[in-house]
Amino acid sequence: LPFYHEAKMAFVIWLSSPYTRGASLLYRKFVHPTLCRKEKDIDTYIIQARERVCEMTLRYGKRLLNLAAVAVVQAAAKSQGVLAWRLRSFRMQDLRSIPDE
């Protein structure tokens, strides 16, 4: 497209210039009326999104807590078996030589 970059630069300057107030004009002509017409729909979508986020947070939070609990129980069970095996391999004299901390 010929002169695309030049036209884009002129458009950006027109939008940001305080003399032309291009961005303000576009907002007043197009964006604000559209937002006013769709305000109820937007509010409805925001409420639905908030509810979905709460539901997903609870669902995945429960899953995460369940996974963490299972991991803790498994780690405790494994370490208990290792600890018992390790303690069986010691003699009583070896156990007395372990410093109390």
N, C-alpha and C. Protein backbone atom coordinates (compact mmCIF):
# COMPACT_ATOMS: atom_id res chain seq x y z
N LEU A 1 0.86 -1.17 0.00
CA LEU A 1 0.00 0.00 0.00
C LEU A 1 0.90 1.23 0.00
N PRO A 2 0.82 2.07 -1.03
CA PRO A 2 1.71 3.23 -1.08
C PRO A 2 1.36 4.26 0.00
N PHE A 3 2.37 4.85 0.55
CA PHE A 3 2.27 5.89 1.58
C PHE A 3 1.55 5.41 2.86
N TYR A 4 1.60 4.12 3.12
CA TYR A 4 0.95 3.59 4.31
C TYR A 4 1.58 4.16 5.58
N HIS A 5 2.90 4.09 5.66
CA HIS A 5 3.60 4.56 6.86
C HIS A 5 3.43 6.07 7.06
N GLU A 6 3.43 6.81 5.98
CA GLU A 6 3.24 8.25 6.08
C GLU A 6 1.82 8.58 6.56
N ALA A 7 0.84 7.88 6.01
CA ALA A 7 -0.55 8.10 6.42
C ALA A 7 -0.76 7.70 7.88
N LYS A 8 -0.12 6.61 8.27
CA LYS A 8 -0.24 6.16 9.66
C LYS A 8 0.38 7.19 10.60
N MET A 9 1.52 7.71 10.23
CA MET A 9 2.19 8.72 11.06
C MET A 9 1.34 9.99 11.15
N ALA A 10 0.74 10.43 10.04
CA ALA A 10 -0.11 11.62 10.05
C ALA A 10 -1.34 11.37 10.93
N PHE A 11 -1.90 10.16 10.88
CA PHE A 11 -3.07 9.82 11.70
C PHE A 11 -2.71 9.84 13.18
N VAL A 12 -1.57 9.30 13.54
CA VAL A 12 -1.14 9.29 14.95
C VAL A 12 -0.89 10.71 15.43
N ILE A 13 -0.29 11.53 14.61
CA ILE A 13 -0.07 12.93 14.98
C ILE A 13 -1.41 13.64 15.15
N TRP A 14 -2.36 13.38 14.23
CA TRP A 14 -3.68 14.00 14.34
C TRP A 14 -4.38 13.56 15.64
N LEU A 15 -4.23 12.26 16.00
CA LEU A 15 -4.85 11.76 17.23
C LEU A 15 -4.26 12.41 18.47
N SER A 16 -2.95 12.58 18.49
CA SER A 16 -2.28 13.02 19.72
C SER A 16 -2.09 14.54 19.81
N SER A 17 -2.39 15.27 18.77
CA SER A 17 -2.18 16.71 18.78
C SER A 17 -3.21 17.41 19.67
N PRO A 18 -2.76 18.30 20.56
CA PRO A 18 -3.73 19.03 21.40
C PRO A 18 -4.53 20.06 20.61
N TYR A 19 -4.05 20.44 19.43
CA TYR A 19 -4.77 21.42 18.62
C TYR A 19 -5.93 20.79 17.87
N THR A 20 -5.74 19.60 17.35
CA THR A 20 -6.81 18.94 16.58
C THR A 20 -7.73 18.11 17.46
N ARG A 21 -7.25 17.66 18.59
CA ARG A 21 -8.02 16.82 19.52
C ARG A 21 -8.70 15.66 18.80
N GLY A 22 -7.92 14.98 17.99
CA GLY A 22 -8.45 13.87 17.19
C GLY A 22 -8.95 12.71 18.04
N ALA A 23 -8.18 12.37 19.06
CA ALA A 23 -8.60 11.26 19.91
C ALA A 23 -9.89 11.59 20.65
N SER A 24 -10.01 12.81 21.11
CA SER A 24 -11.22 13.24 21.80
C SER A 24 -12.42 13.21 20.85
N LEU A 25 -12.21 13.66 19.63
CA LEU A 25 -13.28 13.65 18.64
C LEU A 25 -13.74 12.21 18.34
N LEU A 26 -12.80 11.30 18.11
CA LEU A 26 -13.17 9.91 17.85
C LEU A 26 -13.88 9.29 19.04
N TYR A 27 -13.42 9.62 20.25
CA TYR A 27 -14.07 9.07 21.44
C TYR A 27 -15.51 9.57 21.55
N ARG A 28 -15.70 10.89 21.37
CA ARG A 28 -17.05 11.46 21.50
C ARG A 28 -17.99 10.98 20.40
N LYS A 29 -17.46 10.78 19.19
CA LYS A 29 -18.31 10.41 18.06
C LYS A 29 -18.64 8.92 18.02
N PHE A 30 -17.67 8.06 18.39
CA PHE A 30 -17.84 6.62 18.17
C PHE A 30 -17.79 5.78 19.46
N VAL A 31 -16.77 5.98 20.25
CA VAL A 31 -16.55 5.09 21.40
C VAL A 31 -17.60 5.32 22.49
N HIS A 32 -17.79 6.55 22.91
CA HIS A 32 -18.73 6.84 23.99
C HIS A 32 -20.16 6.43 23.67
N PRO A 33 -20.70 6.75 22.48
CA PRO A 33 -22.07 6.29 22.17
C PRO A 33 -22.18 4.76 22.16
N THR A 34 -21.18 4.09 21.65
CA THR A 34 -21.21 2.62 21.63
C THR A 34 -21.20 2.07 23.05
N LEU A 35 -20.35 2.63 23.91
CA LEU A 35 -20.31 2.18 25.30
C LEU A 35 -21.63 2.45 26.01
N CYS A 36 -22.24 3.58 25.73
CA CYS A 36 -23.54 3.88 26.36
C CYS A 36 -24.61 2.90 25.92
N ARG A 37 -24.64 2.55 24.63
CA ARG A 37 -25.63 1.60 24.13
C ARG A 37 -25.41 0.20 24.70
N LYS A 38 -24.18 -0.18 24.90
CA LYS A 38 -23.86 -1.55 25.33
C LYS A 38 -23.57 -1.65 26.83
N GLU A 39 -23.89 -0.62 27.60
CA GLU A 39 -23.52 -0.58 29.02
C GLU A 39 -24.11 -1.76 29.80
N LYS A 40 -25.38 -2.07 29.59
CA LYS A 40 -26.01 -3.18 30.32
C LYS A 40 -25.36 -4.52 29.95
N ASP A 41 -25.07 -4.71 28.65
CA ASP A 41 -24.41 -5.95 28.23
C ASP A 41 -23.03 -6.07 28.86
N ILE A 42 -22.29 -4.97 28.88
CA ILE A 42 -20.95 -4.98 29.47
C ILE A 42 -21.03 -5.31 30.95
N ASP A 43 -21.98 -4.70 31.66
CA ASP A 43 -22.14 -4.99 33.09
C ASP A 43 -22.49 -6.46 33.32
N THR A 44 -23.37 -7.00 32.47
CA THR A 44 -23.75 -8.41 32.58
C THR A 44 -22.54 -9.31 32.37
N TYR A 45 -21.73 -9.01 31.34
CA TYR A 45 -20.53 -9.82 31.08
C TYR A 45 -19.54 -9.73 32.23
N ILE A 46 -19.41 -8.56 32.83
CA ILE A 46 -18.48 -8.40 33.95
C ILE A 46 -18.94 -9.25 35.14
N ILE A 47 -20.23 -9.23 35.42
CA ILE A 47 -20.77 -10.03 36.53
C ILE A 47 -20.57 -11.52 36.25
N GLN A 48 -20.86 -11.96 35.02
CA GLN A 48 -20.67 -13.36 34.66
C GLN A 48 -19.21 -13.76 34.76
N ALA A 49 -18.32 -12.89 34.30
CA ALA A 49 -16.89 -13.20 34.37
C ALA A 49 -16.44 -13.30 35.82
N ARG A 50 -16.92 -12.41 36.67
CA ARG A 50 -16.55 -12.45 38.09
C ARG A 50 -17.02 -13.77 38.72
N GLU A 51 -18.24 -14.18 38.40
CA GLU A 51 -18.76 -15.44 38.94
C GLU A 51 -17.95 -16.63 38.45
N ARG A 52 -17.61 -16.63 37.16
CA ARG A 52 -16.81 -17.73 36.61
C ARG A 52 -15.42 -17.78 37.24
N VAL A 53 -14.83 -16.61 37.45
CA VAL A 53 -13.50 -16.56 38.08
C VAL A 53 -13.57 -17.11 39.50
N CYS A 54 -14.61 -16.75 40.23
CA CYS A 54 -14.76 -17.27 41.60
C CYS A 54 -14.93 -18.79 41.59
N GLU A 55 -15.77 -19.29 40.69
CA GLU A 55 -15.97 -20.74 40.59
C GLU A 55 -14.68 -21.46 40.22
N MET A 56 -13.96 -20.92 39.24
CA MET A 56 -12.71 -21.56 38.81
C MET A 56 -11.67 -21.50 39.92
N THR A 57 -11.61 -20.39 40.63
CA THR A 57 -10.64 -20.27 41.72
C THR A 57 -10.93 -21.30 42.80
N LEU A 58 -12.21 -21.47 43.15
CA LEU A 58 -12.56 -22.47 44.14
C LEU A 58 -12.26 -23.88 43.65
N ARG A 59 -12.63 -24.17 42.40
CA ARG A 59 -12.42 -25.51 41.86
C ARG A 59 -10.94 -25.86 41.81
N TYR A 60 -10.13 -24.98 41.22
CA TYR A 60 -8.71 -25.27 41.10
C TYR A 60 -7.99 -25.14 42.43
N GLY A 61 -8.50 -24.28 43.32
CA GLY A 61 -7.92 -24.19 44.66
C GLY A 61 -8.11 -25.49 45.43
N LYS A 62 -9.31 -26.08 45.32
CA LYS A 62 -9.56 -27.37 45.97
C LYS A 62 -8.66 -28.45 45.39
N ARG A 63 -8.53 -28.47 44.07
CA ARG A 63 -7.65 -29.47 43.45
C ARG A 63 -6.21 -29.30 43.92
N LEU A 64 -5.77 -28.06 43.98
CA LEU A 64 -4.40 -27.78 44.40
C LEU A 64 -4.18 -28.21 45.85
N LEU A 65 -5.15 -27.90 46.72
CA LEU A 65 -5.02 -28.33 48.11
C LEU A 65 -5.04 -29.85 48.23
N ASN A 66 -5.88 -30.52 47.45
CA ASN A 66 -5.90 -31.99 47.47
C ASN A 66 -4.56 -32.56 47.01
N LEU A 67 -4.01 -32.01 45.93
CA LEU A 67 -2.71 -32.48 45.45
C LEU A 67 -1.62 -32.24 46.48
N ALA A 68 -1.65 -31.07 47.13
CA ALA A 68 -0.65 -30.77 48.15
C ALA A 68 -0.79 -31.72 49.33
N ALA A 69 -2.04 -32.00 49.74
CA ALA A 69 -2.25 -32.92 50.86
C ALA A 69 -1.76 -34.32 50.52
N VAL A 70 -2.05 -34.79 49.32
CA VAL A 70 -1.58 -36.11 48.90
C VAL A 70 -0.06 -36.15 48.87
N ALA A 71 0.56 -35.10 48.35
CA ALA A 71 2.02 -35.05 48.29
C ALA A 71 2.62 -35.06 49.69
N VAL A 72 2.02 -34.33 50.61
CA VAL A 72 2.53 -34.31 51.99
C VAL A 72 2.39 -35.67 52.64
N VAL A 73 1.24 -36.31 52.45
CA VAL A 73 1.02 -37.63 53.04
C VAL A 73 1.99 -38.65 52.44
N GLN A 74 2.17 -38.61 51.13
CA GLN A 74 3.09 -39.54 50.49
C GLN A 74 4.52 -39.30 50.96
N ALA A 75 4.92 -38.04 51.06
CA ALA A 75 6.27 -37.74 51.52
C ALA A 75 6.47 -38.19 52.96
N ALA A 76 5.44 -37.99 53.78
CA ALA A 76 5.55 -38.42 55.18
C ALA A 76 5.63 -39.94 55.27
N ALA A 77 4.83 -40.64 54.45
CA ALA A 77 4.86 -42.10 54.48
C ALA A 77 6.21 -42.63 54.01
N LYS A 78 6.75 -42.04 52.94
CA LYS A 78 8.05 -42.49 52.44
C LYS A 78 9.15 -42.19 53.44
N SER A 79 9.12 -40.99 54.01
CA SER A 79 10.19 -40.63 54.94
C SER A 79 10.09 -41.43 56.22
N GLN A 80 8.88 -41.82 56.64
CA GLN A 80 8.73 -42.64 57.83
C GLN A 80 9.34 -44.02 57.59
N GLY A 81 9.10 -44.58 56.42
CA GLY A 81 9.69 -45.88 56.09
C GLY A 81 11.21 -45.80 56.02
N VAL A 82 11.72 -44.74 55.42
CA VAL A 82 13.17 -44.55 55.33
C VAL A 82 13.75 -44.35 56.71
N LEU A 83 13.06 -43.57 57.54
CA LEU A 83 13.54 -43.32 58.89
C LEU A 83 13.56 -44.61 59.71
N ALA A 84 12.49 -45.40 59.60
CA ALA A 84 12.45 -46.66 60.34
C ALA A 84 13.56 -47.59 59.87
N TRP A 85 13.77 -47.69 58.57
CA TRP A 85 14.84 -48.55 58.05
C TRP A 85 16.19 -48.05 58.53
N ARG A 86 16.36 -46.74 58.52
CA ARG A 86 17.64 -46.15 58.94
C ARG A 86 17.88 -46.39 60.43
N LEU A 87 16.84 -46.26 61.24
CA LEU A 87 16.99 -46.49 62.67
C LEU A 87 17.27 -47.95 62.98
N ARG A 88 16.70 -48.87 62.21
CA ARG A 88 16.97 -50.30 62.42
C ARG A 88 18.42 -50.64 62.11
N SER A 89 19.02 -49.89 61.20
CA SER A 89 20.40 -50.20 60.82
C SER A 89 21.41 -49.71 61.85
N PHE A 90 20.98 -48.86 62.79
CA PHE A 90 21.89 -48.37 63.82
C PHE A 90 21.93 -49.33 65.00
N ARG A 91 23.08 -49.33 65.65
CA ARG A 91 23.17 -50.03 66.94
C ARG A 91 22.80 -49.03 68.01
N MET A 92 22.53 -49.49 69.19
CA MET A 92 22.15 -48.60 70.29
C MET A 92 23.27 -47.63 70.60
N GLN A 93 24.50 -48.06 70.49
CA GLN A 93 25.64 -47.19 70.76
C GLN A 93 25.72 -46.08 69.71
N ASP A 94 25.39 -46.39 68.47
CA ASP A 94 25.38 -45.37 67.41
C ASP A 94 24.32 -44.32 67.69
N LEU A 95 23.18 -44.75 68.21
CA LEU A 95 22.11 -43.82 68.50
C LEU A 95 22.48 -42.89 69.66
N ARG A 96 23.25 -43.40 70.63
CA ARG A 96 23.65 -42.57 71.77
C ARG A 96 24.71 -41.55 71.34
N SER A 97 25.42 -41.82 70.28
CA SER A 97 26.49 -40.90 69.87
C SER A 97 25.95 -39.74 69.01
N ILE A 98 24.67 -39.76 68.63
CA ILE A 98 24.09 -38.67 67.85
C ILE A 98 23.89 -37.48 68.80
N PRO A 99 24.42 -36.30 68.46
CA PRO A 99 24.30 -35.15 69.35
C PRO A 99 22.85 -34.65 69.38
N ASP A 100 22.43 -34.19 70.56
CA ASP A 100 21.10 -33.57 70.70
C ASP A 100 21.17 -32.13 70.23
N GLU A 101 20.30 -31.77 69.32
CA GLU A 101 20.29 -30.39 68.81
C GLU A 101 18.97 -29.74 69.04
